[in-house]
Amino acid sequence: QVQVVESGGGLAQPGGSLRLSCTASGSIFSINAMGWYRQAPGKQRELVVTIATGGSTSYADSVKGRFTISRDNAKNTVYLQMDSLKVEGTAVYYCSFDLKLSRDWGLPRRYWGQGTQVTGCS
């Protein structure tokens, strides 16, 4: 069983910063990609950024230069540093882990965090 727990959301100020964290725990064999997505009210969930096992990243154009993803493989944790926040309304941020619970698994499966709300900016 896997648990994915997020933290760090809250009220954001224009031009300010927030840092989100997300940790996966349980009987995890390996973790491939990690990522962050967000969903505004009435809209579909969209990709913010992903980070591969080796550290390569892929950012949405809207957050390039403002958001930074990082991962701590030893702690099964992914972070999202959000700087220069813009007034774009509220969104719920979801982390994702593509992981395997066993060596015998074929492709990794995606597990999601519970979501953390960022109010006011994105």
PDB file of N, CA and C in Angstrom:
ATOM      1  N   GLN A   1       0.852  -1.194   0.000  1.00  0.00           N
ATOM      2  CA  GLN A   1       0.000   0.000   0.000  1.00  0.00           C
ATOM      3  C   GLN A   1       0.882   1.236   0.000  1.00  0.00           C
ATOM      4  N   VAL A   2       0.450   2.224  -0.741  1.00  0.00           N
ATOM      5  CA  VAL A   2       1.230   3.453  -0.885  1.00  0.00           C
ATOM      6  C   VAL A   2       0.417   4.630  -0.378  1.00  0.00           C
ATOM      7  N   GLN A   3       1.083   5.494   0.324  1.00  0.00           N
ATOM      8  CA  GLN A   3       0.474   6.763   0.733  1.00  0.00           C
ATOM      9  C   GLN A   3       1.258   7.907   0.120  1.00  0.00           C
ATOM     10  N   VAL A   4       0.542   8.880  -0.408  1.00  0.00           N
ATOM     11  CA  VAL A   4       1.171  10.053  -0.990  1.00  0.00           C
ATOM     12  C   VAL A   4       0.571  11.265  -0.298  1.00  0.00           C
ATOM     13  N   VAL A   5       1.407  11.998   0.406  1.00  0.00           N
ATOM     14  CA  VAL A   5       0.924  13.094   1.236  1.00  0.00           C
ATOM     15  C   VAL A   5       1.585  14.399   0.826  1.00  0.00           C
ATOM     16  N   GLU A   6       0.750  15.385   0.572  1.00  0.00           N
ATOM     17  CA  GLU A   6       1.233  16.705   0.174  1.00  0.00           C
ATOM     18  C   GLU A   6       1.132  17.683   1.338  1.00  0.00           C
ATOM     19  N   SER A   7       1.939  18.730   1.245  1.00  0.00           N
ATOM     20  CA  SER A   7       1.843  19.814   2.217  1.00  0.00           C
ATOM     21  C   SER A   7       2.376  21.090   1.587  1.00  0.00           C
ATOM     22  N   GLY A   8       2.022  22.213   2.194  1.00  0.00           N
ATOM     23  CA  GLY A   8       2.640  23.470   1.798  1.00  0.00           C
ATOM     24  C   GLY A   8       1.748  24.457   1.086  1.00  0.00           C
ATOM     25  N   GLY A   9       0.513  24.123   0.819  1.00  0.00           N
ATOM     26  CA  GLY A   9      -0.344  25.094   0.145  1.00  0.00           C
ATOM     27  C   GLY A   9      -0.761  26.203   1.080  1.00  0.00           C
ATOM     28  N   GLY A  10      -1.574  27.109   0.573  1.00  0.00           N
ATOM     29  CA  GLY A  10      -2.046  28.194   1.403  1.00  0.00           C
ATOM     30  C   GLY A  10      -2.340  29.433   0.587  1.00  0.00           C
ATOM     31  N   LEU A  11      -2.413  30.547   1.297  1.00  0.00           N
ATOM     32  CA  LEU A  11      -2.714  31.827   0.656  1.00  0.00           C
ATOM     33  C   LEU A  11      -1.443  32.417   0.075  1.00  0.00           C
ATOM     34  N   ALA A  12      -1.501  32.718  -1.195  1.00  0.00           N
ATOM     35  CA  ALA A  12      -0.326  33.257  -1.876  1.00  0.00           C
ATOM     36  C   ALA A  12      -0.502  34.743  -2.135  1.00  0.00           C
ATOM     37  N   GLN A  13       0.583  35.452  -2.123  1.00  0.00           N
ATOM     38  CA  GLN A  13       0.588  36.874  -2.422  1.00  0.00           C
ATOM     39  C   GLN A  13       1.205  37.112  -3.797  1.00  0.00           C
ATOM     40  N   PRO A  14       0.697  38.060  -4.556  1.00  0.00           N
ATOM     41  CA  PRO A  14       1.307  38.366  -5.860  1.00  0.00           C
ATOM     42  C   PRO A  14       2.787  38.694  -5.709  1.00  0.00           C
ATOM     43  N   GLY A  15       3.584  38.041  -6.505  1.00  0.00           N
ATOM     44  CA  GLY A  15       5.020  38.240  -6.411  1.00  0.00           C
ATOM     45  C   GLY A  15       5.693  37.452  -5.316  1.00  0.00           C
ATOM     46  N   GLY A  16       4.908  36.770  -4.536  1.00  0.00           N
ATOM     47  CA  GLY A  16       5.441  36.003  -3.419  1.00  0.00           C
ATOM     48  C   GLY A  16       5.848  34.602  -3.806  1.00  0.00           C
ATOM     49  N   SER A  17       6.133  33.809  -2.788  1.00  0.00           N
ATOM     50  CA  SER A  17       6.618  32.446  -2.986  1.00  0.00           C
ATOM     51  C   SER A  17       5.870  31.478  -2.090  1.00  0.00           C
ATOM     52  N   LEU A  18       5.789  30.260  -2.568  1.00  0.00           N
ATOM     53  CA  LEU A  18       5.298  29.137  -1.775  1.00  0.00           C
ATOM     54  C   LEU A  18       6.118  27.922  -2.140  1.00  0.00           C
ATOM     55  N   ARG A  19       6.224  27.006  -1.200  1.00  0.00           N
ATOM     56  CA  ARG A  19       6.939  25.767  -1.453  1.00  0.00           C
ATOM     57  C   ARG A  19       6.026  24.612  -1.091  1.00  0.00           C
ATOM     58  N   LEU A  20       5.831  23.730  -2.054  1.00  0.00           N
ATOM     59  CA  LEU A  20       5.021  22.533  -1.835  1.00  0.00           C
ATOM     60  C   LEU A  20       5.939  21.321  -1.690  1.00  0.00           C
ATOM     61  N   SER A  21       5.503  20.391  -0.865  1.00  0.00           N
ATOM     62  CA  SER A  21       6.231  19.145  -0.683  1.00  0.00           C
ATOM     63  C   SER A  21       5.280  17.970  -0.842  1.00  0.00           C
ATOM     64  N   CYS A  22       5.820  16.843  -1.238  1.00  0.00           N
ATOM     65  CA  CYS A  22       4.993  15.651  -1.401  1.00  0.00           C
ATOM     66  C   CYS A  22       5.863  14.425  -1.187  1.00  0.00           C
ATOM     67  N   THR A  23       5.394  13.534  -0.336  1.00  0.00           N
ATOM     68  CA  THR A  23       6.172  12.341   0.009  1.00  0.00           C
ATOM     69  C   THR A  23       5.351  11.079  -0.206  1.00  0.00           C
ATOM     70  N   ALA A  24       5.972  10.114  -0.810  1.00  0.00           N
ATOM     71  CA  ALA A  24       5.365   8.795  -0.983  1.00  0.00           C
ATOM     72  C   ALA A  24       5.971   7.833   0.034  1.00  0.00           C
ATOM     73  N   SER A  25       5.115   7.021   0.624  1.00  0.00           N
ATOM     74  CA  SER A  25       5.604   6.050   1.604  1.00  0.00           C
ATOM     75  C   SER A  25       4.882   4.728   1.408  1.00  0.00           C
ATOM     76  N   GLY A  26       5.494   3.663   1.931  1.00  0.00           N
ATOM     77  CA  GLY A  26       4.922   2.328   1.789  1.00  0.00           C
ATOM     78  C   GLY A  26       5.942   1.377   1.205  1.00  0.00           C
ATOM     79  N   SER A  27       5.463   0.256   0.722  1.00  0.00           N
ATOM     80  CA  SER A  27       6.341  -0.779   0.171  1.00  0.00           C
ATOM     81  C   SER A  27       6.660  -0.471  -1.286  1.00  0.00           C
ATOM     82  N   ILE A  28       7.510   0.524  -1.476  1.00  0.00           N
ATOM     83  CA  ILE A  28       7.850   1.002  -2.813  1.00  0.00           C
ATOM     84  C   ILE A  28       9.140   0.361  -3.282  1.00  0.00           C
ATOM     85  N   PHE A  29       9.102  -0.228  -4.470  1.00  0.00           N
ATOM     86  CA  PHE A  29      10.316  -0.812  -5.034  1.00  0.00           C
ATOM     87  C   PHE A  29      11.153   0.249  -5.745  1.00  0.00           C
ATOM     88  N   SER A  30      10.511   1.047  -6.576  1.00  0.00           N
ATOM     89  CA  SER A  30      11.244   2.092  -7.297  1.00  0.00           C
ATOM     90  C   SER A  30      10.282   3.197  -7.719  1.00  0.00           C
ATOM     91  N   ILE A  31      10.851   4.386  -7.881  1.00  0.00           N
ATOM     92  CA  ILE A  31      10.082   5.532  -8.360  1.00  0.00           C
ATOM     93  C   ILE A  31      10.719   6.066  -9.621  1.00  0.00           C
ATOM     94  N   ASN A  32       9.934   6.220 -10.646  1.00  0.00           N
ATOM     95  CA  ASN A  32      10.424   6.803 -11.885  1.00  0.00           C
ATOM     96  C   ASN A  32      10.164   8.310 -11.847  1.00  0.00           C
ATOM     97  N   ALA A  33       9.298   8.774 -12.676  1.00  0.00           N
ATOM     98  CA  ALA A  33       9.048  10.213 -12.741  1.00  0.00           C
ATOM     99  C   ALA A  33       8.203  10.685 -11.565  1.00  0.00           C
ATOM    100  N   MET A  34       8.431  11.924 -11.207  1.00  0.00           N
ATOM    101  CA  MET A  34       7.588  12.621 -10.238  1.00  0.00           C
ATOM    102  C   MET A  34       7.077  13.879 -10.927  1.00  0.00           C
ATOM    103  N   GLY A  35       5.987  14.423 -10.451  1.00  0.00           N
ATOM    104  CA  GLY A  35       5.457  15.593 -11.113  1.00  0.00           C
ATOM    105  C   GLY A  35       4.484  16.383 -10.275  1.00  0.00           C
ATOM    106  N   TRP A  36       4.152  17.538 -10.800  1.00  0.00           N
ATOM    107  CA  TRP A  36       3.129  18.389 -10.203  1.00  0.00           C
ATOM    108  C   TRP A  36       2.134  18.789 -11.287  1.00  0.00           C
ATOM    109  N   TYR A  37       0.863  18.738 -10.922  1.00  0.00           N
ATOM    110  CA  TYR A  37      -0.228  19.154 -11.782  1.00  0.00           C
ATOM    111  C   TYR A  37      -1.086  20.127 -10.985  1.00  0.00           C
ATOM    112  N   ARG A  38      -1.932  20.848 -11.678  1.00  0.00           N
ATOM    113  CA  ARG A  38      -2.851  21.732 -10.962  1.00  0.00           C
ATOM    114  C   ARG A  38      -4.188  21.761 -11.681  1.00  0.00           C
ATOM    115  N   GLN A  39      -5.209  22.088 -10.899  1.00  0.00           N
ATOM    116  CA  GLN A  39      -6.565  22.146 -11.441  1.00  0.00           C
ATOM    117  C   GLN A  39      -7.291  23.332 -10.838  1.00  0.00           C
ATOM    118  N   ALA A  40      -7.702  24.237 -11.704  1.00  0.00           N
ATOM    119  CA  ALA A  40      -8.502  25.384 -11.276  1.00  0.00           C
ATOM    120  C   ALA A  40      -9.977  25.010 -11.340  1.00  0.00           C
ATOM    121  N   PRO A  41     -10.815  25.687 -10.595  1.00  0.00           N
ATOM    122  CA  PRO A  41     -12.253  25.382 -10.605  1.00  0.00           C
ATOM    123  C   PRO A  41     -12.828  25.425 -12.010  1.00  0.00           C
ATOM    124  N   GLY A  42     -13.536  24.379 -12.382  1.00  0.00           N
ATOM    125  CA  GLY A  42     -14.176  24.338 -13.690  1.00  0.00           C
ATOM    126  C   GLY A  42     -13.251  24.009 -14.847  1.00  0.00           C
ATOM    127  N   LYS A  43     -12.004  23.721 -14.552  1.00  0.00           N
ATOM    128  CA  LYS A  43     -11.039  23.422 -15.615  1.00  0.00           C
ATOM    129  C   LYS A  43     -10.448  22.034 -15.432  1.00  0.00           C
ATOM    130  N   GLN A  44      -9.836  21.546 -16.484  1.00  0.00           N
ATOM    131  CA  GLN A  44      -9.187  20.234 -16.414  1.00  0.00           C
ATOM    132  C   GLN A  44      -7.836  20.345 -15.697  1.00  0.00           C
ATOM    133  N   ARG A  45      -7.438  19.240 -15.154  1.00  0.00           N
ATOM    134  CA  ARG A  45      -6.118  19.179 -14.523  1.00  0.00           C
ATOM    135  C   ARG A  45      -5.063  19.356 -15.607  1.00  0.00           C
ATOM    136  N   GLU A  46      -4.052  20.170 -15.324  1.00  0.00           N
ATOM    137  CA  GLU A  46      -3.008  20.440 -16.299  1.00  0.00           C
ATOM    138  C   GLU A  46      -1.635  20.172 -15.694  1.00  0.00           C
ATOM    139  N   LEU A  47      -0.721  19.825 -16.560  1.00  0.00           N
ATOM    140  CA  LEU A  47       0.644  19.565 -16.142  1.00  0.00           C
ATOM    141  C   LEU A  47       1.336  20.872 -15.786  1.00  0.00           C
ATOM    142  N   VAL A  48       2.029  20.871 -14.678  1.00  0.00           N
ATOM    143  CA  VAL A  48       2.883  21.998 -14.300  1.00  0.00           C
ATOM    144  C   VAL A  48       4.342  21.667 -14.616  1.00  0.00           C
ATOM    145  N   VAL A  49       4.799  20.537 -14.107  1.00  0.00           N
ATOM    146  CA  VAL A  49       6.193  20.156 -14.322  1.00  0.00           C
ATOM    147  C   VAL A  49       6.389  18.697 -13.936  1.00  0.00           C
ATOM    148  N   THR A  50       7.313  18.047 -14.626  1.00  0.00           N
ATOM    149  CA  THR A  50       7.726  16.701 -14.250  1.00  0.00           C
ATOM    150  C   THR A  50       9.240  16.652 -14.105  1.00  0.00           C
ATOM    151  N   ILE A  51       9.695  15.666 -13.337  1.00  0.00           N
ATOM    152  CA  ILE A  51      11.126  15.437 -13.179  1.00  0.00           C
ATOM    153  C   ILE A  51      11.384  13.945 -13.262  1.00  0.00           C
ATOM    154  N   ALA A  52      12.306  13.577 -14.130  1.00  0.00           N
ATOM    155  CA  ALA A  52      12.624  12.170 -14.340  1.00  0.00           C
ATOM    156  C   ALA A  52      13.624  11.685 -13.292  1.00  0.00           C
ATOM    157  N   THR A  53      13.851  10.384 -13.315  1.00  0.00           N
ATOM    158  CA  THR A  53      14.754   9.788 -12.331  1.00  0.00           C
ATOM    159  C   THR A  53      16.128  10.436 -12.364  1.00  0.00           C
ATOM    160  N   GLY A  54      16.610  10.713 -13.554  1.00  0.00           N
ATOM    161  CA  GLY A  54      17.935  11.300 -13.687  1.00  0.00           C
ATOM    162  C   GLY A  54      17.984  12.798 -13.437  1.00  0.00           C
ATOM    163  N   GLY A  55      16.822  13.413 -13.250  1.00  0.00           N
ATOM    164  CA  GLY A  55      16.790  14.831 -12.928  1.00  0.00           C
ATOM    165  C   GLY A  55      16.353  15.742 -14.058  1.00  0.00           C
ATOM    166  N   SER A  56      16.133  15.207 -15.234  1.00  0.00           N
ATOM    167  CA  SER A  56      15.684  16.065 -16.326  1.00  0.00           C
ATOM    168  C   SER A  56      14.258  16.520 -16.056  1.00  0.00           C
ATOM    169  N   THR A  57      13.968  17.741 -16.449  1.00  0.00           N
ATOM    170  CA  THR A  57      12.680  18.349 -16.120  1.00  0.00           C
ATOM    171  C   THR A  57      11.946  18.822 -17.374  1.00  0.00           C
ATOM    172  N   SER A  58      10.634  18.951 -17.227  1.00  0.00           N
ATOM    173  CA  SER A  58       9.805  19.480 -18.302  1.00  0.00           C
ATOM    174  C   SER A  58       8.754  20.381 -17.686  1.00  0.00           C
ATOM    175  N   TYR A  59       8.824  21.679 -17.991  1.00  0.00           N
ATOM    176  CA  TYR A  59       7.934  22.674 -17.393  1.00  0.00           C
ATOM    177  C   TYR A  59       6.881  23.138 -18.392  1.00  0.00           C
ATOM    178  N   ALA A  60       5.706  23.447 -17.882  1.00  0.00           N
ATOM    179  CA  ALA A  60       4.719  24.148 -18.687  1.00  0.00           C
ATOM    180  C   ALA A  60       5.246  25.546 -18.971  1.00  0.00           C
ATOM    181  N   ASP A  61       4.932  26.062 -20.140  1.00  0.00           N
ATOM    182  CA  ASP A  61       5.432  27.386 -20.512  1.00  0.00           C
ATOM    183  C   ASP A  61       5.020  28.459 -19.508  1.00  0.00           C
ATOM    184  N   SER A  62       3.849  28.303 -18.935  1.00  0.00           N
ATOM    185  CA  SER A  62       3.315  29.330 -18.033  1.00  0.00           C
ATOM    186  C   SER A  62       4.100  29.470 -16.731  1.00  0.00           C
ATOM    187  N   VAL A  63       4.905  28.475 -16.397  1.00  0.00           N
ATOM    188  CA  VAL A  63       5.628  28.532 -15.124  1.00  0.00           C
ATOM    189  C   VAL A  63       7.145  28.544 -15.301  1.00  0.00           C
ATOM    190  N   LYS A  64       7.614  28.449 -16.527  1.00  0.00           N
ATOM    191  CA  LYS A  64       9.062  28.445 -16.767  1.00  0.00           C
ATOM    192  C   LYS A  64       9.693  29.719 -16.208  1.00  0.00           C
ATOM    193  N   GLY A  65      10.785  29.533 -15.518  1.00  0.00           N
ATOM    194  CA  GLY A  65      11.493  30.665 -14.942  1.00  0.00           C
ATOM    195  C   GLY A  65      10.944  31.120 -13.599  1.00  0.00           C
ATOM    196  N   ARG A  66       9.807  30.591 -13.204  1.00  0.00           N
ATOM    197  CA  ARG A  66       9.213  30.986 -11.918  1.00  0.00           C
ATOM    198  C   ARG A  66       9.121  29.816 -10.936  1.00  0.00           C
ATOM    199  N   PHE A  67       8.874  28.629 -11.451  1.00  0.00           N
ATOM    200  CA  PHE A  67       8.716  27.439 -10.603  1.00  0.00           C
ATOM    201  C   PHE A  67       9.941  26.548 -10.766  1.00  0.00           C
ATOM    202  N   THR A  68      10.287  25.864  -9.696  1.00  0.00           N
ATOM    203  CA  THR A  68      11.415  24.935  -9.730  1.00  0.00           C
ATOM    204  C   THR A  68      11.021  23.643  -9.037  1.00  0.00           C
ATOM    205  N   ILE A  69      11.177  22.543  -9.743  1.00  0.00           N
ATOM    206  CA  ILE A  69      10.913  21.233  -9.160  1.00  0.00           C
ATOM    207  C   ILE A  69      12.237  20.610  -8.729  1.00  0.00           C
ATOM    208  N   SER A  70      12.184  19.861  -7.653  1.00  0.00           N
ATOM    209  CA  SER A  70      13.360  19.109  -7.216  1.00  0.00           C
ATOM    210  C   SER A  70      12.877  17.829  -6.540  1.00  0.00           C
ATOM    211  N   ARG A  71      13.775  16.865  -6.423  1.00  0.00           N
ATOM    212  CA  ARG A  71      13.410  15.600  -5.802  1.00  0.00           C
ATOM    213  C   ARG A  71      14.519  15.123  -4.889  1.00  0.00           C
ATOM    214  N   ASP A  72      14.106  14.452  -3.834  1.00  0.00           N
ATOM    215  CA  ASP A  72      15.039  13.814  -2.920  1.00  0.00           C
ATOM    216  C   ASP A  72      14.714  12.326  -2.960  1.00  0.00           C
ATOM    217  N   ASN A  73      15.488  11.579  -3.708  1.00  0.00           N
ATOM    218  CA  ASN A  73      15.186  10.168  -3.909  1.00  0.00           C
ATOM    219  C   ASN A  73      15.292   9.361  -2.615  1.00  0.00           C
ATOM    220  N   ALA A  74      16.173   9.767  -1.756  1.00  0.00           N
ATOM    221  CA  ALA A  74      16.341   9.041  -0.492  1.00  0.00           C
ATOM    222  C   ALA A  74      15.110   9.174   0.400  1.00  0.00           C
ATOM    223  N   LYS A  75      14.396  10.274   0.232  1.00  0.00           N
ATOM    224  CA  LYS A  75      13.198  10.524   1.056  1.00  0.00           C
ATOM    225  C   LYS A  75      11.910  10.299   0.282  1.00  0.00           C
ATOM    226  N   ASN A  76      11.997   9.863  -0.970  1.00  0.00           N
ATOM    227  CA  ASN A  76      10.803   9.691  -1.813  1.00  0.00           C
ATOM    228  C   ASN A  76       9.941  10.952  -1.803  1.00  0.00           C
ATOM    229  N   THR A  77      10.603  12.067  -1.977  1.00  0.00           N
ATOM    230  CA  THR A  77       9.929  13.361  -1.845  1.00  0.00           C
ATOM    231  C   THR A  77      10.201  14.238  -3.053  1.00  0.00           C
ATOM    232  N   VAL A  78       9.185  14.939  -3.468  1.00  0.00           N
ATOM    233  CA  VAL A  78       9.309  15.915  -4.546  1.00  0.00           C
ATOM    234  C   VAL A  78       8.853  17.264  -4.013  1.00  0.00           C
ATOM    235  N   TYR A  79       9.527  18.299  -4.473  1.00  0.00           N
ATOM    236  CA  TYR A  79       9.243  19.659  -4.031  1.00  0.00           C
ATOM    237  C   TYR A  79       8.878  20.533  -5.227  1.00  0.00           C
ATOM    238  N   LEU A  80       8.106  21.557  -4.960  1.00  0.00           N
ATOM    239  CA  LEU A  80       7.821  22.566  -5.974  1.00  0.00           C
ATOM    240  C   LEU A  80       7.998  23.937  -5.332  1.00  0.00           C
ATOM    241  N   GLN A  81       9.049  24.629  -5.750  1.00  0.00           N
ATOM    242  CA  GLN A  81       9.275  25.986  -5.302  1.00  0.00           C
ATOM    243  C   GLN A  81       8.611  26.924  -6.297  1.00  0.00           C
ATOM    244  N   MET A  82       7.664  27.703  -5.816  1.00  0.00           N
ATOM    245  CA  MET A  82       6.924  28.608  -6.676  1.00  0.00           C
ATOM    246  C   MET A  82       7.281  30.044  -6.296  1.00  0.00           C
ATOM    247  N   ASP A  83       7.903  30.747  -7.221  1.00  0.00           N
ATOM    248  CA  ASP A  83       8.292  32.141  -7.011  1.00  0.00           C
ATOM    249  C   ASP A  83       7.576  33.042  -8.014  1.00  0.00           C
ATOM    250  N   SER A  84       7.602  34.330  -7.725  1.00  0.00           N
ATOM    251  CA  SER A  84       6.982  35.312  -8.615  1.00  0.00           C
ATOM    252  C   SER A  84       5.554  34.916  -8.962  1.00  0.00           C
ATOM    253  N   LEU A  85       4.792  34.575  -7.941  1.00  0.00           N
ATOM    254  CA  LEU A  85       3.426  34.111  -8.161  1.00  0.00           C
ATOM    255  C   LEU A  85       2.578  35.218  -8.784  1.00  0.00           C
ATOM    256  N   LYS A  86       1.716  34.803  -9.689  1.00  0.00           N
ATOM    257  CA  LYS A  86       0.851  35.744 -10.395  1.00  0.00           C
ATOM    258  C   LYS A  86      -0.581  35.622  -9.884  1.00  0.00           C
ATOM    259  N   VAL A  87      -1.319  36.703 -10.036  1.00  0.00           N
ATOM    260  CA  VAL A  87      -2.718  36.681  -9.629  1.00  0.00           C
ATOM    261  C   VAL A  87      -3.514  35.976 -10.720  1.00  0.00           C
ATOM    262  N   GLU A  88      -3.738  34.689 -10.522  1.00  0.00           N
ATOM    263  CA  GLU A  88      -4.446  33.912 -11.538  1.00  0.00           C
ATOM    264  C   GLU A  88      -5.541  33.060 -10.931  1.00  0.00           C
ATOM    265  N   GLY A  89      -5.861  33.323  -9.678  1.00  0.00           N
ATOM    266  CA  GLY A  89      -6.940  32.576  -9.069  1.00  0.00           C
ATOM    267  C   GLY A  89      -6.463  31.348  -8.329  1.00  0.00           C
ATOM    268  N   THR A  90      -7.413  30.645  -7.777  1.00  0.00           N
ATOM    269  CA  THR A  90      -7.124  29.497  -6.940  1.00  0.00           C
ATOM    270  C   THR A  90      -6.977  28.240  -7.777  1.00  0.00           C
ATOM    271  N   ALA A  91      -6.081  27.387  -7.348  1.00  0.00           N
ATOM    272  CA  ALA A  91      -5.920  26.082  -7.986  1.00  0.00           C
ATOM    273  C   ALA A  91      -5.521  25.060  -6.933  1.00  0.00           C
ATOM    274  N   VAL A  92      -5.890  23.834  -7.185  1.00  0.00           N
ATOM    275  CA  VAL A  92      -5.436  22.730  -6.341  1.00  0.00           C
ATOM    276  C   VAL A  92      -4.260  22.069  -7.041  1.00  0.00           C
ATOM    277  N   TYR A  93      -3.169  21.924  -6.319  1.00  0.00           N
ATOM    278  CA  TYR A  93      -1.973  21.308  -6.850  1.00  0.00           C
ATOM    279  C   TYR A  93      -1.890  19.844  -6.408  1.00  0.00           C
ATOM    280  N   TYR A  94      -1.628  18.998  -7.374  1.00  0.00           N
ATOM    281  CA  TYR A  94      -1.518  17.564  -7.125  1.00  0.00           C
ATOM    282  C   TYR A  94      -0.116  17.094  -7.490  1.00  0.00           C
ATOM    283  N   CYS A  95       0.481  16.311  -6.623  1.00  0.00           N
ATOM    284  CA  CYS A  95       1.744  15.682  -6.979  1.00  0.00           C
ATOM    285  C   CYS A  95       1.459  14.292  -7.538  1.00  0.00           C
ATOM    286  N   SER A  96       2.412  13.783  -8.282  1.00  0.00           N
ATOM    287  CA  SER A  96       2.277  12.440  -8.836  1.00  0.00           C
ATOM    288  C   SER A  96       3.594  11.703  -8.738  1.00  0.00           C
ATOM    289  N   PHE A  97       3.482  10.397  -8.518  1.00  0.00           N
ATOM    290  CA  PHE A  97       4.641   9.507  -8.507  1.00  0.00           C
ATOM    291  C   PHE A  97       4.342   8.348  -9.451  1.00  0.00           C
ATOM    292  N   ASP A  98       5.238   8.098 -10.391  1.00  0.00           N
ATOM    293  CA  ASP A  98       5.155   6.906 -11.235  1.00  0.00           C
ATOM    294  C   ASP A  98       6.074   5.867 -10.606  1.00  0.00           C
ATOM    295  N   LEU A  99       5.484   4.847 -10.021  1.00  0.00           N
ATOM    296  CA  LEU A  99       6.310   3.936  -9.226  1.00  0.00           C
ATOM    297  C   LEU A  99       5.912   2.475  -9.412  1.00  0.00           C
ATOM    298  N   LYS A 100       6.800   1.624  -8.907  1.00  0.00           N
ATOM    299  CA  LYS A 100       6.560   0.185  -8.900  1.00  0.00           C
ATOM    300  C   LYS A 100       6.604  -0.299  -7.450  1.00  0.00           C
ATOM    301  N   LEU A 101       5.733  -1.227  -7.147  1.00  0.00           N
ATOM    302  CA  LEU A 101       5.735  -1.821  -5.812  1.00  0.00           C
ATOM    303  C   LEU A 101       6.493  -3.135  -5.789  1.00  0.00           C
ATOM    304  N   SER A 102       6.906  -3.588  -6.976  1.00  0.00           N
ATOM    305  CA  SER A 102       7.612  -4.865  -7.043  1.00  0.00           C
ATOM    306  C   SER A 102       8.501  -4.884  -8.278  1.00  0.00           C
ATOM    307  N   ARG A 103       9.577  -5.648  -8.210  1.00  0.00           N
ATOM    308  CA  ARG A 103      10.456  -5.814  -9.356  1.00  0.00           C
ATOM    309  C   ARG A 103       9.701  -6.464 -10.518  1.00  0.00           C
ATOM    310  N   ASP A 104       8.662  -7.242 -10.211  1.00  0.00           N
ATOM    311  CA  ASP A 104       7.945  -7.981 -11.244  1.00  0.00           C
ATOM    312  C   ASP A 104       6.942  -7.134 -12.015  1.00  0.00           C
ATOM    313  N   TRP A 105       6.695  -5.930 -11.543  1.00  0.00           N
ATOM    314  CA  TRP A 105       5.775  -5.056 -12.256  1.00  0.00           C
ATOM    315  C   TRP A 105       6.345  -4.726 -13.621  1.00  0.00           C
ATOM    316  N   GLY A 106       5.489  -4.551 -14.584  1.00  0.00           N
ATOM    317  CA  GLY A 106       5.914  -4.105 -15.894  1.00  0.00           C
ATOM    318  C   GLY A 106       6.128  -2.605 -15.858  1.00  0.00           C
ATOM    319  N   LEU A 107       5.158  -1.887 -16.363  1.00  0.00           N
ATOM    320  CA  LEU A 107       5.272  -0.441 -16.371  1.00  0.00           C
ATOM    321  C   LEU A 107       4.927   0.124 -14.981  1.00  0.00           C
ATOM    322  N   PRO A 108       5.544   1.253 -14.621  1.00  0.00           N
ATOM    323  CA  PRO A 108       5.169   1.882 -13.349  1.00  0.00           C
ATOM    324  C   PRO A 108       3.733   2.393 -13.394  1.00  0.00           C
ATOM    325  N   ARG A 109       3.145   2.554 -12.223  1.00  0.00           N
ATOM    326  CA  ARG A 109       1.794   3.071 -12.121  1.00  0.00           C
ATOM    327  C   ARG A 109       1.825   4.424 -11.428  1.00  0.00           C
ATOM    328  N   ARG A 110       0.872   5.266 -11.750  1.00  0.00           N
ATOM    329  CA  ARG A 110       0.849   6.630 -11.211  1.00  0.00           C
ATOM    330  C   ARG A 110      -0.004   6.688  -9.950  1.00  0.00           C
ATOM    331  N   TYR A 111       0.590   7.275  -8.937  1.00  0.00           N
ATOM    332  CA  TYR A 111      -0.116   7.526  -7.684  1.00  0.00           C
ATOM    333  C   TYR A 111      -0.169   9.036  -7.470  1.00  0.00           C
ATOM    334  N   TRP A 112      -1.320   9.478  -6.957  1.00  0.00           N
ATOM    335  CA  TRP A 112      -1.555  10.907  -6.797  1.00  0.00           C
ATOM    336  C   TRP A 112      -1.609  11.296  -5.325  1.00  0.00           C
ATOM    337  N   GLY A 113      -1.175  12.516  -5.063  1.00  0.00           N
ATOM    338  CA  GLY A 113      -1.408  13.095  -3.748  1.00  0.00           C
ATOM    339  C   GLY A 113      -2.850  13.551  -3.617  1.00  0.00           C
ATOM    340  N   GLN A 114      -3.203  13.970  -2.400  1.00  0.00           N
ATOM    341  CA  GLN A 114      -4.587  14.341  -2.121  1.00  0.00           C
ATOM    342  C   GLN A 114      -4.932  15.741  -2.621  1.00  0.00           C
ATOM    343  N   GLY A 115      -3.923  16.481  -3.012  1.00  0.00           N
ATOM    344  CA  GLY A 115      -4.143  17.848  -3.480  1.00  0.00           C
ATOM    345  C   GLY A 115      -3.965  18.858  -2.366  1.00  0.00           C
ATOM    346  N   THR A 116      -3.354  19.964  -2.705  1.00  0.00           N
ATOM    347  CA  THR A 116      -3.202  21.057  -1.748  1.00  0.00           C
ATOM    348  C   THR A 116      -3.576  22.358  -2.459  1.00  0.00           C
ATOM    349  N   GLN A 117      -4.377  23.163  -1.798  1.00  0.00           N
ATOM    350  CA  GLN A 117      -4.904  24.346  -2.447  1.00  0.00           C
ATOM    351  C   GLN A 117      -3.969  25.533  -2.310  1.00  0.00           C
ATOM    352  N   VAL A 118      -3.791  26.209  -3.411  1.00  0.00           N
ATOM    353  CA  VAL A 118      -3.057  27.473  -3.426  1.00  0.00           C
ATOM    354  C   VAL A 118      -4.075  28.540  -3.796  1.00  0.00           C
ATOM    355  N   THR A 119      -4.291  29.458  -2.901  1.00  0.00           N
ATOM    356  CA  THR A 119      -5.354  30.431  -3.059  1.00  0.00           C
ATOM    357  C   THR A 119      -4.801  31.784  -3.465  1.00  0.00           C
ATOM    358  N   GLY A 120      -5.363  32.331  -4.516  1.00  0.00           N
ATOM    359  CA  GLY A 120      -5.042  33.689  -4.897  1.00  0.00           C
ATOM    360  C   GLY A 120      -4.104  33.819  -6.075  1.00  0.00           C
ATOM    361  N   CYS A 121      -3.148  32.950  -6.180  1.00  0.00           N
ATOM    362  CA  CYS A 121      -2.133  33.085  -7.210  1.00  0.00           C
ATOM    363  C   CYS A 121      -1.761  31.717  -7.754  1.00  0.00           C
ATOM    364  N   SER A 122      -1.083  31.713  -8.881  1.00  0.00           N
ATOM    365  CA  SER A 122      -0.542  30.461  -9.425  1.00  0.00           C
ATOM    366  C   SER A 122       0.651  30.744 -10.317  1.00  0.00           C
TER     367      SER A 122
END
